[in-house]
Amino acid sequence: NSRSHDLLHMMSFPPEEKTDNDPKHTSKRAKSWFQTNRIQVMEWPAQSPDLNPIENLWADIKNAVHEAKPRNAEELWNVIQLSGAAIPVDRCQELVNSMHHRCEAVIRNRGYATKY
């Protein structure tokens, strides 16, 4: 069936990771880990636009943490868990639906920053 064919196809290639060129992803230690675990890292230009909607959700959680002003690690963890669990499905769907507009904005800006 199609599903098992897709799985076999994925398994026939080495795992691949896309990083955003953040120094913690390009350090010697990170590179060594990827190499040890036989994970190929995709070439990705520095300063490339990040169209991944998960970044918007991380920003939502970051804002919740900022508003809550946790005083210790336990409070911080609680805010992170609660704010993450409270993200409405509609918010996620809105971000997925915005992908077409995100891609158009990147093309219009010739790869430079967008409002996303």
PDB file of N, CA and C in Angstrom:
ATOM      1  N   ASN A   1       0.836  -1.189   0.000  1.00  0.00           N
ATOM      2  CA  ASN A   1       0.000   0.000   0.000  1.00  0.00           C
ATOM      3  C   ASN A   1       0.875   1.245   0.000  1.00  0.00           C
ATOM      4  N   SER A   2       0.264   2.390  -0.242  1.00  0.00           N
ATOM      5  CA  SER A   2       0.988   3.646  -0.385  1.00  0.00           C
ATOM      6  C   SER A   2       1.711   4.055   0.903  1.00  0.00           C
ATOM      7  N   ARG A   3       1.061   3.835   2.017  1.00  0.00           N
ATOM      8  CA  ARG A   3       1.642   4.252   3.302  1.00  0.00           C
ATOM      9  C   ARG A   3       2.929   3.485   3.600  1.00  0.00           C
ATOM     10  N   SER A   4       2.918   2.178   3.388  1.00  0.00           N
ATOM     11  CA  SER A   4       4.128   1.393   3.664  1.00  0.00           C
ATOM     12  C   SER A   4       5.219   1.727   2.648  1.00  0.00           C
ATOM     13  N   HIS A   5       4.824   2.030   1.404  1.00  0.00           N
ATOM     14  CA  HIS A   5       5.811   2.441   0.414  1.00  0.00           C
ATOM     15  C   HIS A   5       6.496   3.731   0.852  1.00  0.00           C
ATOM     16  N   ASP A   6       5.708   4.703   1.346  1.00  0.00           N
ATOM     17  CA  ASP A   6       6.275   5.960   1.825  1.00  0.00           C
ATOM     18  C   ASP A   6       7.238   5.727   2.977  1.00  0.00           C
ATOM     19  N   LEU A   7       6.867   4.846   3.896  1.00  0.00           N
ATOM     20  CA  LEU A   7       7.722   4.535   5.039  1.00  0.00           C
ATOM     21  C   LEU A   7       9.025   3.903   4.573  1.00  0.00           C
ATOM     22  N   LEU A   8       8.943   2.946   3.661  1.00  0.00           N
ATOM     23  CA  LEU A   8      10.153   2.311   3.135  1.00  0.00           C
ATOM     24  C   LEU A   8      11.024   3.336   2.411  1.00  0.00           C
ATOM     25  N   HIS A   9      10.395   4.227   1.664  1.00  0.00           N
ATOM     26  CA  HIS A   9      11.133   5.262   0.958  1.00  0.00           C
ATOM     27  C   HIS A   9      11.886   6.152   1.949  1.00  0.00           C
ATOM     28  N   MET A  10      11.214   6.557   3.019  1.00  0.00           N
ATOM     29  CA  MET A  10      11.856   7.411   4.031  1.00  0.00           C
ATOM     30  C   MET A  10      13.000   6.680   4.706  1.00  0.00           C
ATOM     31  N   MET A  11      12.836   5.398   4.941  1.00  0.00           N
ATOM     32  CA  MET A  11      13.868   4.627   5.639  1.00  0.00           C
ATOM     33  C   MET A  11      15.079   4.372   4.747  1.00  0.00           C
ATOM     34  N   SER A  12      14.921   4.477   3.435  1.00  0.00           N
ATOM     35  CA  SER A  12      16.033   4.184   2.544  1.00  0.00           C
ATOM     36  C   SER A  12      17.008   5.359   2.437  1.00  0.00           C
ATOM     37  N   PHE A  13      16.648   6.484   2.970  1.00  0.00           N
ATOM     38  CA  PHE A  13      17.516   7.649   2.947  1.00  0.00           C
ATOM     39  C   PHE A  13      17.984   7.951   4.361  1.00  0.00           C
ATOM     40  N   PRO A  14      19.178   8.512   4.497  1.00  0.00           N
ATOM     41  CA  PRO A  14      19.606   8.878   5.845  1.00  0.00           C
ATOM     42  C   PRO A  14      18.703   9.987   6.389  1.00  0.00           C
ATOM     43  N   PRO A  15      18.486  10.020   7.696  1.00  0.00           N
ATOM     44  CA  PRO A  15      17.688  11.100   8.267  1.00  0.00           C
ATOM     45  C   PRO A  15      18.332  12.441   7.946  1.00  0.00           C
ATOM     46  N   GLU A  16      17.507  13.462   7.794  1.00  0.00           N
ATOM     47  CA  GLU A  16      18.018  14.775   7.434  1.00  0.00           C
ATOM     48  C   GLU A  16      17.417  15.821   8.362  1.00  0.00           C
ATOM     49  N   GLU A  17      18.205  16.795   8.725  1.00  0.00           N
ATOM     50  CA  GLU A  17      17.783  17.846   9.651  1.00  0.00           C
ATOM     51  C   GLU A  17      18.046  19.194   8.995  1.00  0.00           C
ATOM     52  N   LYS A  18      17.101  20.118   9.144  1.00  0.00           N
ATOM     53  CA  LYS A  18      17.305  21.497   8.702  1.00  0.00           C
ATOM     54  C   LYS A  18      17.484  22.347   9.946  1.00  0.00           C
ATOM     55  N   THR A  19      18.591  23.031  10.039  1.00  0.00           N
ATOM     56  CA  THR A  19      18.805  23.938  11.161  1.00  0.00           C
ATOM     57  C   THR A  19      18.764  25.362  10.637  1.00  0.00           C
ATOM     58  N   ASP A  20      18.639  26.302  11.531  1.00  0.00           N
ATOM     59  CA  ASP A  20      18.503  27.694  11.123  1.00  0.00           C
ATOM     60  C   ASP A  20      19.803  28.485  11.258  1.00  0.00           C
ATOM     61  N   ASN A  21      20.925  27.801  11.273  1.00  0.00           N
ATOM     62  CA  ASN A  21      22.248  28.416  11.378  1.00  0.00           C
ATOM     63  C   ASN A  21      22.479  29.145  12.694  1.00  0.00           C
ATOM     64  N   ASP A  22      21.655  28.874  13.675  1.00  0.00           N
ATOM     65  CA  ASP A  22      21.886  29.417  15.010  1.00  0.00           C
ATOM     66  C   ASP A  22      23.195  28.808  15.512  1.00  0.00           C
ATOM     67  N   PRO A  23      24.055  29.590  16.184  1.00  0.00           N
ATOM     68  CA  PRO A  23      25.343  29.060  16.642  1.00  0.00           C
ATOM     69  C   PRO A  23      25.248  27.755  17.443  1.00  0.00           C
ATOM     70  N   LYS A  24      24.162  27.566  18.202  1.00  0.00           N
ATOM     71  CA  LYS A  24      24.064  26.319  18.968  1.00  0.00           C
ATOM     72  C   LYS A  24      23.855  25.116  18.055  1.00  0.00           C
ATOM     73  N   HIS A  25      23.375  25.341  16.825  1.00  0.00           N
ATOM     74  CA  HIS A  25      23.187  24.244  15.874  1.00  0.00           C
ATOM     75  C   HIS A  25      24.429  24.011  15.020  1.00  0.00           C
ATOM     76  N   THR A  26      25.319  24.985  14.964  1.00  0.00           N
ATOM     77  CA  THR A  26      26.499  24.867  14.111  1.00  0.00           C
ATOM     78  C   THR A  26      27.786  24.685  14.906  1.00  0.00           C
ATOM     79  N   SER A  27      27.669  24.526  16.218  1.00  0.00           N
ATOM     80  CA  SER A  27      28.856  24.342  17.062  1.00  0.00           C
ATOM     81  C   SER A  27      29.524  23.011  16.739  1.00  0.00           C
ATOM     82  N   LYS A  28      30.781  22.879  17.137  1.00  0.00           N
ATOM     83  CA  LYS A  28      31.503  21.620  16.924  1.00  0.00           C
ATOM     84  C   LYS A  28      30.783  20.464  17.603  1.00  0.00           C
ATOM     85  N   ARG A  29      30.253  20.722  18.789  1.00  0.00           N
ATOM     86  CA  ARG A  29      29.552  19.672  19.543  1.00  0.00           C
ATOM     87  C   ARG A  29      28.292  19.211  18.805  1.00  0.00           C
ATOM     88  N   ALA A  30      27.526  20.173  18.286  1.00  0.00           N
ATOM     89  CA  ALA A  30      26.306  19.824  17.545  1.00  0.00           C
ATOM     90  C   ALA A  30      26.654  19.074  16.268  1.00  0.00           C
ATOM     91  N   LYS A  31      27.665  19.563  15.548  1.00  0.00           N
ATOM     92  CA  LYS A  31      28.079  18.895  14.313  1.00  0.00           C
ATOM     93  C   LYS A  31      28.530  17.464  14.597  1.00  0.00           C
ATOM     94  N   SER A  32      29.255  17.303  15.676  1.00  0.00           N
ATOM     95  CA  SER A  32      29.721  15.971  16.062  1.00  0.00           C
ATOM     96  C   SER A  32      28.543  15.048  16.370  1.00  0.00           C
ATOM     97  N   TRP A  33      27.532  15.579  17.080  1.00  0.00           N
ATOM     98  CA  TRP A  33      26.345  14.777  17.421  1.00  0.00           C
ATOM     99  C   TRP A  33      25.623  14.326  16.158  1.00  0.00           C
ATOM    100  N   PHE A  34      25.423  15.255  15.219  1.00  0.00           N
ATOM    101  CA  PHE A  34      24.758  14.893  13.965  1.00  0.00           C
ATOM    102  C   PHE A  34      25.559  13.814  13.234  1.00  0.00           C
ATOM    103  N   GLN A  35      26.875  13.966  13.204  1.00  0.00           N
ATOM    104  CA  GLN A  35      27.727  13.003  12.517  1.00  0.00           C
ATOM    105  C   GLN A  35      27.679  11.637  13.213  1.00  0.00           C
ATOM    106  N   THR A  36      27.797  11.618  14.530  1.00  0.00           N
ATOM    107  CA  THR A  36      27.747  10.374  15.299  1.00  0.00           C
ATOM    108  C   THR A  36      26.428   9.638  15.084  1.00  0.00           C
ATOM    109  N   ASN A  37      25.348  10.394  14.990  1.00  0.00           N
ATOM    110  CA  ASN A  37      24.019   9.801  14.826  1.00  0.00           C
ATOM    111  C   ASN A  37      23.603   9.657  13.366  1.00  0.00           C
ATOM    112  N   ARG A  38      24.582   9.872  12.480  1.00  0.00           N
ATOM    113  CA  ARG A  38      24.371   9.706  11.036  1.00  0.00           C
ATOM    114  C   ARG A  38      23.172  10.488  10.521  1.00  0.00           C
ATOM    115  N   ILE A  39      23.094  11.736  10.947  1.00  0.00           N
ATOM    116  CA  ILE A  39      22.027  12.620  10.485  1.00  0.00           C
ATOM    117  C   ILE A  39      22.658  13.681   9.597  1.00  0.00           C
ATOM    118  N   GLN A  40      22.199  13.730   8.357  1.00  0.00           N
ATOM    119  CA  GLN A  40      22.698  14.730   7.430  1.00  0.00           C
ATOM    120  C   GLN A  40      22.002  16.053   7.718  1.00  0.00           C
ATOM    121  N   VAL A  41      22.768  17.115   7.677  1.00  0.00           N
ATOM    122  CA  VAL A  41      22.215  18.448   7.904  1.00  0.00           C
ATOM    123  C   VAL A  41      22.104  19.139   6.549  1.00  0.00           C
ATOM    124  N   MET A  42      20.897  19.609   6.242  1.00  0.00           N
ATOM    125  CA  MET A  42      20.671  20.291   4.974  1.00  0.00           C
ATOM    126  C   MET A  42      21.431  21.612   4.945  1.00  0.00           C
ATOM    127  N   GLU A  43      21.938  21.964   3.785  1.00  0.00           N
ATOM    128  CA  GLU A  43      22.523  23.288   3.591  1.00  0.00           C
ATOM    129  C   GLU A  43      21.377  24.287   3.659  1.00  0.00           C
ATOM    130  N   TRP A  44      21.557  25.349   4.402  1.00  0.00           N
ATOM    131  CA  TRP A  44      20.497  26.354   4.548  1.00  0.00           C
ATOM    132  C   TRP A  44      21.147  27.708   4.671  1.00  0.00           C
ATOM    133  N   PRO A  45      20.737  28.664   3.851  1.00  0.00           N
ATOM    134  CA  PRO A  45      21.411  29.962   3.888  1.00  0.00           C
ATOM    135  C   PRO A  45      21.191  30.706   5.203  1.00  0.00           C
ATOM    136  N   ALA A  46      22.227  31.413   5.626  1.00  0.00           N
ATOM    137  CA  ALA A  46      22.102  32.248   6.823  1.00  0.00           C
ATOM    138  C   ALA A  46      21.099  33.359   6.549  1.00  0.00           C
ATOM    139  N   GLN A  47      20.415  33.809   7.577  1.00  0.00           N
ATOM    140  CA  GLN A  47      19.443  34.892   7.476  1.00  0.00           C
ATOM    141  C   GLN A  47      18.275  34.545   6.558  1.00  0.00           C
ATOM    142  N   SER A  48      18.017  33.258   6.350  1.00  0.00           N
ATOM    143  CA  SER A  48      16.882  32.875   5.515  1.00  0.00           C
ATOM    144  C   SER A  48      15.596  33.068   6.303  1.00  0.00           C
ATOM    145  N   PRO A  49      14.511  33.377   5.608  1.00  0.00           N
ATOM    146  CA  PRO A  49      13.252  33.586   6.336  1.00  0.00           C
ATOM    147  C   PRO A  49      12.783  32.287   6.973  1.00  0.00           C
ATOM    148  N   ASP A  50      12.302  32.369   8.173  1.00  0.00           N
ATOM    149  CA  ASP A  50      11.787  31.196   8.865  1.00  0.00           C
ATOM    150  C   ASP A  50      10.272  31.205   8.721  1.00  0.00           C
ATOM    151  N   LEU A  51       9.765  30.351   7.868  1.00  0.00           N
ATOM    152  CA  LEU A  51       8.333  30.312   7.594  1.00  0.00           C
ATOM    153  C   LEU A  51       7.602  29.313   8.469  1.00  0.00           C
ATOM    154  N   ASN A  52       8.307  28.660   9.349  1.00  0.00           N
ATOM    155  CA  ASN A  52       7.693  27.625  10.165  1.00  0.00           C
ATOM    156  C   ASN A  52       6.715  28.243  11.166  1.00  0.00           C
ATOM    157  N   PRO A  53       5.420  27.913  11.065  1.00  0.00           N
ATOM    158  CA  PRO A  53       4.432  28.493  11.984  1.00  0.00           C
ATOM    159  C   PRO A  53       4.685  28.172  13.455  1.00  0.00           C
ATOM    160  N   ILE A  54       5.480  27.157  13.742  1.00  0.00           N
ATOM    161  CA  ILE A  54       5.752  26.823  15.141  1.00  0.00           C
ATOM    162  C   ILE A  54       6.443  27.999  15.829  1.00  0.00           C
ATOM    163  N   GLU A  55       7.176  28.802  15.058  1.00  0.00           N
ATOM    164  CA  GLU A  55       7.847  29.961  15.634  1.00  0.00           C
ATOM    165  C   GLU A  55       6.833  30.944  16.216  1.00  0.00           C
ATOM    166  N   ASN A  56       5.669  31.071  15.573  1.00  0.00           N
ATOM    167  CA  ASN A  56       4.617  31.945  16.092  1.00  0.00           C
ATOM    168  C   ASN A  56       4.065  31.402  17.405  1.00  0.00           C
ATOM    169  N   LEU A  57       3.951  30.082  17.495  1.00  0.00           N
ATOM    170  CA  LEU A  57       3.449  29.478  18.731  1.00  0.00           C
ATOM    171  C   LEU A  57       4.463  29.641  19.857  1.00  0.00           C
ATOM    172  N   TRP A  58       5.751  29.518  19.533  1.00  0.00           N
ATOM    173  CA  TRP A  58       6.784  29.755  20.552  1.00  0.00           C
ATOM    174  C   TRP A  58       6.699  31.199  21.037  1.00  0.00           C
ATOM    175  N   ALA A  59       6.429  32.126  20.120  1.00  0.00           N
ATOM    176  CA  ALA A  59       6.289  33.538  20.513  1.00  0.00           C
ATOM    177  C   ALA A  59       5.088  33.719  21.440  1.00  0.00           C
ATOM    178  N   ASP A  60       3.996  33.006  21.174  1.00  0.00           N
ATOM    179  CA  ASP A  60       2.819  33.069  22.051  1.00  0.00           C
ATOM    180  C   ASP A  60       3.182  32.618  23.466  1.00  0.00           C
ATOM    181  N   ILE A  61       3.928  31.521  23.544  1.00  0.00           N
ATOM    182  CA  ILE A  61       4.334  30.998  24.857  1.00  0.00           C
ATOM    183  C   ILE A  61       5.294  31.972  25.538  1.00  0.00           C
ATOM    184  N   LYS A  62       6.223  32.521  24.762  1.00  0.00           N
ATOM    185  CA  LYS A  62       7.175  33.496  25.319  1.00  0.00           C
ATOM    186  C   LYS A  62       6.425  34.701  25.889  1.00  0.00           C
ATOM    187  N   ASN A  63       5.403  35.174  25.182  1.00  0.00           N
ATOM    188  CA  ASN A  63       4.610  36.301  25.684  1.00  0.00           C
ATOM    189  C   ASN A  63       3.884  35.933  26.977  1.00  0.00           C
ATOM    190  N   ALA A  64       3.373  34.708  27.050  1.00  0.00           N
ATOM    191  CA  ALA A  64       2.693  34.264  28.267  1.00  0.00           C
ATOM    192  C   ALA A  64       3.667  34.224  29.442  1.00  0.00           C
ATOM    193  N   VAL A  65       4.890  33.769  29.185  1.00  0.00           N
ATOM    194  CA  VAL A  65       5.916  33.730  30.236  1.00  0.00           C
ATOM    195  C   VAL A  65       6.238  35.154  30.685  1.00  0.00           C
ATOM    196  N   HIS A  66       6.376  36.058  29.724  1.00  0.00           N
ATOM    197  CA  HIS A  66       6.693  37.457  30.055  1.00  0.00           C
ATOM    198  C   HIS A  66       5.596  38.073  30.928  1.00  0.00           C
ATOM    199  N   GLU A  67       4.344  37.809  30.577  1.00  0.00           N
ATOM    200  CA  GLU A  67       3.215  38.361  31.343  1.00  0.00           C
ATOM    201  C   GLU A  67       3.113  37.749  32.742  1.00  0.00           C
ATOM    202  N   ALA A  68       3.413  36.449  32.854  1.00  0.00           N
ATOM    203  CA  ALA A  68       3.275  35.750  34.139  1.00  0.00           C
ATOM    204  C   ALA A  68       4.408  36.087  35.109  1.00  0.00           C
ATOM    205  N   LYS A  69       5.558  36.471  34.583  1.00  0.00           N
ATOM    206  CA  LYS A  69       6.722  36.791  35.402  1.00  0.00           C
ATOM    207  C   LYS A  69       7.023  35.708  36.445  1.00  0.00           C
ATOM    208  N   PRO A  70       7.296  34.486  35.992  1.00  0.00           N
ATOM    209  CA  PRO A  70       7.594  33.410  36.951  1.00  0.00           C
ATOM    210  C   PRO A  70       8.833  33.750  37.773  1.00  0.00           C
ATOM    211  N   ARG A  71       8.825  33.312  39.035  1.00  0.00           N
ATOM    212  CA  ARG A  71       9.917  33.639  39.959  1.00  0.00           C
ATOM    213  C   ARG A  71      10.934  32.521  40.127  1.00  0.00           C
ATOM    214  N   ASN A  72      10.616  31.337  39.606  1.00  0.00           N
ATOM    215  CA  ASN A  72      11.566  30.230  39.721  1.00  0.00           C
ATOM    216  C   ASN A  72      11.307  29.233  38.585  1.00  0.00           C
ATOM    217  N   ALA A  73      12.143  28.216  38.522  1.00  0.00           N
ATOM    218  CA  ALA A  73      12.066  27.244  37.428  1.00  0.00           C
ATOM    219  C   ALA A  73      10.739  26.488  37.422  1.00  0.00           C
ATOM    220  N   GLU A  74      10.223  26.180  38.595  1.00  0.00           N
ATOM    221  CA  GLU A  74       8.957  25.453  38.675  1.00  0.00           C
ATOM    222  C   GLU A  74       7.806  26.294  38.118  1.00  0.00           C
ATOM    223  N   GLU A  75       7.760  27.556  38.505  1.00  0.00           N
ATOM    224  CA  GLU A  75       6.722  28.456  37.988  1.00  0.00           C
ATOM    225  C   GLU A  75       6.872  28.633  36.468  1.00  0.00           C
ATOM    226  N   LEU A  76       8.113  28.750  36.021  1.00  0.00           N
ATOM    227  CA  LEU A  76       8.369  28.885  34.585  1.00  0.00           C
ATOM    228  C   LEU A  76       7.834  27.674  33.837  1.00  0.00           C
ATOM    229  N   TRP A  77       8.163  26.479  34.317  1.00  0.00           N
ATOM    230  CA  TRP A  77       7.716  25.257  33.663  1.00  0.00           C
ATOM    231  C   TRP A  77       6.186  25.181  33.644  1.00  0.00           C
ATOM    232  N   ASN A  78       5.549  25.574  34.750  1.00  0.00           N
ATOM    233  CA  ASN A  78       4.084  25.555  34.802  1.00  0.00           C
ATOM    234  C   ASN A  78       3.475  26.508  33.774  1.00  0.00           C
ATOM    235  N   VAL A  79       4.041  27.711  33.653  1.00  0.00           N
ATOM    236  CA  VAL A  79       3.531  28.682  32.676  1.00  0.00           C
ATOM    237  C   VAL A  79       3.699  28.140  31.257  1.00  0.00           C
ATOM    238  N   ILE A  80       4.845  27.560  30.986  1.00  0.00           N
ATOM    239  CA  ILE A  80       5.102  27.005  29.651  1.00  0.00           C
ATOM    240  C   ILE A  80       4.082  25.910  29.333  1.00  0.00           C
ATOM    241  N   GLN A  81       3.898  24.984  30.263  1.00  0.00           N
ATOM    242  CA  GLN A  81       2.953  23.885  30.029  1.00  0.00           C
ATOM    243  C   GLN A  81       1.524  24.393  29.857  1.00  0.00           C
ATOM    244  N   LEU A  82       1.085  25.264  30.739  1.00  0.00           N
ATOM    245  CA  LEU A  82      -0.293  25.754  30.684  1.00  0.00           C
ATOM    246  C   LEU A  82      -0.550  26.600  29.440  1.00  0.00           C
ATOM    247  N   SER A  83       0.384  27.480  29.111  1.00  0.00           N
ATOM    248  CA  SER A  83       0.172  28.329  27.933  1.00  0.00           C
ATOM    249  C   SER A  83       0.233  27.515  26.649  1.00  0.00           C
ATOM    250  N   GLY A  84       1.098  26.524  26.597  1.00  0.00           N
ATOM    251  CA  GLY A  84       1.151  25.648  25.423  1.00  0.00           C
ATOM    252  C   GLY A  84      -0.133  24.857  25.251  1.00  0.00           C
ATOM    253  N   ALA A  85      -0.642  24.320  26.356  1.00  0.00           N
ATOM    254  CA  ALA A  85      -1.877  23.529  26.308  1.00  0.00           C
ATOM    255  C   ALA A  85      -3.091  24.399  25.992  1.00  0.00           C
ATOM    256  N   ALA A  86      -2.995  25.697  26.278  1.00  0.00           N
ATOM    257  CA  ALA A  86      -4.131  26.596  26.075  1.00  0.00           C
ATOM    258  C   ALA A  86      -4.201  27.178  24.656  1.00  0.00           C
ATOM    259  N   ILE A  87      -3.219  26.866  23.821  1.00  0.00           N
ATOM    260  CA  ILE A  87      -3.261  27.388  22.449  1.00  0.00           C
ATOM    261  C   ILE A  87      -4.444  26.752  21.730  1.00  0.00           C
ATOM    262  N   PRO A  88      -5.366  27.577  21.243  1.00  0.00           N
ATOM    263  CA  PRO A  88      -6.559  27.027  20.592  1.00  0.00           C
ATOM    264  C   PRO A  88      -6.238  26.392  19.238  1.00  0.00           C
ATOM    265  N   VAL A  89      -6.986  25.382  18.889  1.00  0.00           N
ATOM    266  CA  VAL A  89      -6.834  24.721  17.594  1.00  0.00           C
ATOM    267  C   VAL A  89      -7.005  25.746  16.472  1.00  0.00           C
ATOM    268  N   ASP A  90      -7.918  26.697  16.666  1.00  0.00           N
ATOM    269  CA  ASP A  90      -8.141  27.735  15.649  1.00  0.00           C
ATOM    270  C   ASP A  90      -6.864  28.527  15.373  1.00  0.00           C
ATOM    271  N   ARG A  91      -6.076  28.786  16.395  1.00  0.00           N
ATOM    272  CA  ARG A  91      -4.812  29.515  16.226  1.00  0.00           C
ATOM    273  C   ARG A  91      -3.863  28.713  15.341  1.00  0.00           C
ATOM    274  N   CYS A  92      -3.789  27.420  15.592  1.00  0.00           N
ATOM    275  CA  CYS A  92      -2.922  26.549  14.786  1.00  0.00           C
ATOM    276  C   CYS A  92      -3.406  26.514  13.337  1.00  0.00           C
ATOM    277  N   GLN A  93      -4.715  26.392  13.149  1.00  0.00           N
ATOM    278  CA  GLN A  93      -5.272  26.335  11.801  1.00  0.00           C
ATOM    279  C   GLN A  93      -5.027  27.646  11.061  1.00  0.00           C
ATOM    280  N   GLU A  94      -5.155  28.759  11.784  1.00  0.00           N
ATOM    281  CA  GLU A  94      -4.902  30.083  11.193  1.00  0.00           C
ATOM    282  C   GLU A  94      -3.468  30.166  10.676  1.00  0.00           C
ATOM    283  N   LEU A  95      -2.526  29.643  11.448  1.00  0.00           N
ATOM    284  CA  LEU A  95      -1.122  29.674  11.035  1.00  0.00           C
ATOM    285  C   LEU A  95      -0.878  28.782   9.826  1.00  0.00           C
ATOM    286  N   VAL A  96      -1.470  27.603   9.822  1.00  0.00           N
ATOM    287  CA  VAL A  96      -1.328  26.705   8.669  1.00  0.00           C
ATOM    288  C   VAL A  96      -1.919  27.371   7.431  1.00  0.00           C
ATOM    289  N   ASN A  97      -3.089  27.972   7.578  1.00  0.00           N
ATOM    290  CA  ASN A  97      -3.749  28.626   6.444  1.00  0.00           C
ATOM    291  C   ASN A  97      -2.957  29.815   5.915  1.00  0.00           C
ATOM    292  N   SER A  98      -2.079  30.374   6.736  1.00  0.00           N
ATOM    293  CA  SER A  98      -1.309  31.543   6.321  1.00  0.00           C
ATOM    294  C   SER A  98      -0.088  31.187   5.465  1.00  0.00           C
ATOM    295  N   MET A  99       0.207  29.923   5.289  1.00  0.00           N
ATOM    296  CA  MET A  99       1.426  29.521   4.576  1.00  0.00           C
ATOM    297  C   MET A  99       1.497  30.092   3.158  1.00  0.00           C
ATOM    298  N   HIS A 100       0.381  30.097   2.450  1.00  0.00           N
ATOM    299  CA  HIS A 100       0.372  30.630   1.089  1.00  0.00           C
ATOM    300  C   HIS A 100       0.812  32.098   1.106  1.00  0.00           C
ATOM    301  N   HIS A 101       0.258  32.863   2.026  1.00  0.00           N
ATOM    302  CA  HIS A 101       0.602  34.283   2.133  1.00  0.00           C
ATOM    303  C   HIS A 101       2.049  34.478   2.588  1.00  0.00           C
ATOM    304  N   ARG A 102       2.520  33.603   3.457  1.00  0.00           N
ATOM    305  CA  ARG A 102       3.913  33.677   3.917  1.00  0.00           C
ATOM    306  C   ARG A 102       4.869  33.493   2.739  1.00  0.00           C
ATOM    307  N   CYS A 103       4.602  32.481   1.950  1.00  0.00           N
ATOM    308  CA  CYS A 103       5.466  32.199   0.792  1.00  0.00           C
ATOM    309  C   CYS A 103       5.420  33.342  -0.211  1.00  0.00           C
ATOM    310  N   GLU A 104       4.233  33.880  -0.460  1.00  0.00           N
ATOM    311  CA  GLU A 104       4.111  35.024  -1.366  1.00  0.00           C
ATOM    312  C   GLU A 104       4.913  36.219  -0.848  1.00  0.00           C
ATOM    313  N   ALA A 105       4.868  36.453   0.448  1.00  0.00           N
ATOM    314  CA  ALA A 105       5.592  37.582   1.040  1.00  0.00           C
ATOM    315  C   ALA A 105       7.097  37.418   0.869  1.00  0.00           C
ATOM    316  N   VAL A 106       7.609  36.206   1.039  1.00  0.00           N
ATOM    317  CA  VAL A 106       9.043  35.955   0.868  1.00  0.00           C
ATOM    318  C   VAL A 106       9.448  36.192  -0.582  1.00  0.00           C
ATOM    319  N   ILE A 107       8.623  35.719  -1.512  1.00  0.00           N
ATOM    320  CA  ILE A 107       8.919  35.920  -2.938  1.00  0.00           C
ATOM    321  C   ILE A 107       8.885  37.414  -3.262  1.00  0.00           C
ATOM    322  N   ARG A 108       7.865  38.099  -2.781  1.00  0.00           N
ATOM    323  CA  ARG A 108       7.723  39.541  -3.025  1.00  0.00           C
ATOM    324  C   ARG A 108       8.926  40.311  -2.470  1.00  0.00           C
ATOM    325  N   ASN A 109       9.454  39.881  -1.322  1.00  0.00           N
ATOM    326  CA  ASN A 109      10.597  40.554  -0.682  1.00  0.00           C
ATOM    327  C   ASN A 109      11.937  39.981  -1.123  1.00  0.00           C
ATOM    328  N   ARG A 110      11.906  39.134  -2.124  1.00  0.00           N
ATOM    329  CA  ARG A 110      13.128  38.520  -2.674  1.00  0.00           C
ATOM    330  C   ARG A 110      13.961  37.829  -1.598  1.00  0.00           C
ATOM    331  N   GLY A 111      13.279  37.172  -0.667  1.00  0.00           N
ATOM    332  CA  GLY A 111      13.968  36.388   0.354  1.00  0.00           C
ATOM    333  C   GLY A 111      14.282  37.151   1.623  1.00  0.00           C
ATOM    334  N   TYR A 112      14.019  38.451   1.655  1.00  0.00           N
ATOM    335  CA  TYR A 112      14.311  39.236   2.848  1.00  0.00           C
ATOM    336  C   TYR A 112      13.161  39.135   3.845  1.00  0.00           C
ATOM    337  N   ALA A 113      13.357  39.716   5.005  1.00  0.00           N
ATOM    338  CA  ALA A 113      12.401  39.609   6.105  1.00  0.00           C
ATOM    339  C   ALA A 113      10.986  40.016   5.696  1.00  0.00           C
ATOM    340  N   THR A 114      10.028  39.360   6.321  1.00  0.00           N
ATOM    341  CA  THR A 114       8.617  39.662   6.115  1.00  0.00           C
ATOM    342  C   THR A 114       7.992  39.918   7.468  1.00  0.00           C
ATOM    343  N   LYS A 115       6.708  40.226   7.482  1.00  0.00           N
ATOM    344  CA  LYS A 115       6.022  40.455   8.758  1.00  0.00           C
ATOM    345  C   LYS A 115       5.815  39.161   9.531  1.00  0.00           C
ATOM    346  N   TYR A 116       6.054  38.037   8.881  1.00  0.00           N
ATOM    347  CA  TYR A 116       5.825  36.751   9.529  1.00  0.00           C
ATOM    348  C   TYR A 116       7.016  36.356  10.364  1.00  0.00           C
TER     349      TYR A 116
END
